Protein backbone atom coordinates (compact mmCIF):
# COMPACT_ATOMS: atom_id res chain seq x y z
CA MET A 1 -21.50 10.87 0.28
CA LYS A 2 -19.96 7.96 -1.52
CA LEU A 3 -18.34 6.49 1.59
CA ASP A 4 -20.22 3.21 1.31
CA ARG A 5 -18.05 2.27 -1.70
CA LEU A 6 -14.78 2.71 0.20
CA LYS A 7 -12.77 -0.34 1.19
CA LEU A 8 -9.72 -0.66 3.38
CA HIS A 9 -6.72 -2.18 1.62
CA HIS A 10 -3.89 -3.42 3.77
CA ILE A 11 -0.50 -2.48 2.39
CA THR A 12 2.37 -4.50 3.78
CA ASP A 13 5.20 -2.42 2.34
CA GLY A 14 6.53 0.55 4.29
CA GLU A 15 5.28 2.25 7.40
CA ALA A 16 1.75 3.44 7.94
CA GLU A 17 1.37 7.20 8.00
CA GLN A 18 0.41 8.45 11.44
CA LEU A 19 -2.18 11.17 11.90
CA ALA A 20 -0.97 14.32 13.58
CA VAL A 21 -2.35 15.11 17.02
CA LEU A 22 -3.01 18.82 17.27
CA SER A 23 -2.86 20.80 20.48
CA PRO A 24 -5.75 23.11 21.38
CA GLU A 25 -3.63 26.08 20.25
CA GLN A 26 -3.02 24.46 16.87
CA LEU A 27 -6.72 23.66 16.48
CA VAL A 28 -7.63 27.28 17.10
CA SER A 29 -5.18 28.40 14.41
CA VAL A 30 -6.62 26.07 11.73
CA ASP A 31 -8.10 28.02 8.83
CA THR A 32 -11.58 26.49 8.71
CA GLU A 33 -12.52 28.64 5.70
CA ASN A 34 -9.87 26.82 3.65
CA ILE A 35 -10.90 23.25 4.60
CA PRO A 36 -13.61 22.79 1.91
CA TYR A 37 -11.11 23.90 -0.76
CA GLN A 38 -8.49 21.46 0.57
CA ILE A 39 -11.07 18.66 0.56
CA THR A 40 -11.93 19.44 -3.06
CA LEU A 41 -8.25 19.29 -4.04
CA VAL A 42 -7.79 15.92 -2.33
CA GLU A 43 -10.98 14.53 -3.91
CA GLU A 44 -9.77 15.61 -7.36
CA LYS A 45 -6.43 13.88 -6.79
CA LEU A 46 -8.22 10.77 -5.57
CA ALA A 47 -10.48 10.72 -8.62
CA LYS A 48 -7.40 10.62 -10.86
CA MET A 49 -5.87 7.72 -8.91
CA LYS A 50 -7.67 4.51 -9.77
CA PRO A 51 -5.30 1.61 -9.09
CA ASN A 52 -6.44 -1.81 -10.18
CA MET A 53 -6.22 -3.64 -6.84
CA ALA A 54 -6.95 -7.00 -8.50
CA ALA A 55 -3.96 -6.55 -10.81
CA ILE A 56 -1.77 -5.56 -7.87
CA GLY A 57 -2.88 -8.69 -6.00
CA GLU A 58 -2.13 -10.91 -8.99
CA TYR A 59 1.32 -9.31 -9.35
CA ARG A 60 2.08 -10.00 -5.68
CA LYS A 61 1.02 -13.64 -6.10
CA LYS A 62 3.35 -14.01 -9.09
CA VAL A 63 6.23 -12.43 -7.19
CA VAL A 64 5.72 -14.77 -4.23
CA LYS A 65 5.49 -17.77 -6.57
CA THR A 66 8.70 -16.70 -8.34
CA ILE A 67 10.49 -16.35 -5.01
CA LEU A 68 9.32 -19.79 -3.92
CA VAL A 69 10.42 -21.38 -7.20
CA CYS A 70 13.85 -19.69 -6.95
CA GLY A 71 14.19 -21.01 -3.42
CA MET A 72 13.29 -24.52 -4.53
CA VAL A 73 15.83 -24.33 -7.37
CA ALA A 74 18.51 -23.18 -4.92
CA VAL A 75 17.73 -26.15 -2.65
CA LEU A 76 17.89 -28.56 -5.62
CA ILE A 77 21.23 -27.10 -6.74
CA HIS A 78 22.56 -27.53 -3.20
CA ILE A 79 21.38 -31.18 -3.11
CA VAL A 80 22.94 -31.94 -6.50
CA GLU A 81 26.24 -30.30 -5.50
CA ARG A 82 26.34 -32.37 -2.28
CA SER A 83 25.63 -35.61 -4.15
CA VAL A 84 28.36 -34.92 -6.75
CA ARG A 85 31.07 -34.62 -4.08
């Protein structure tokens, strides 16, 4: 398989999806004949999704920098307003 190319990417937004814990009764009722088909469907979806993680990282850096600059501007405005009084 191509698992050696997989990397874990930490996503800080939102909650992590939890895996369902199946009871023995639920496990018995799982349609094992359908699992290879479901895997194929998921793999096809995954193949179509190719996010550019480097671009996403750069975007996050720019957002953080913008927030910091806005905060610094707000502090400067506050200082100027206090000195004018």
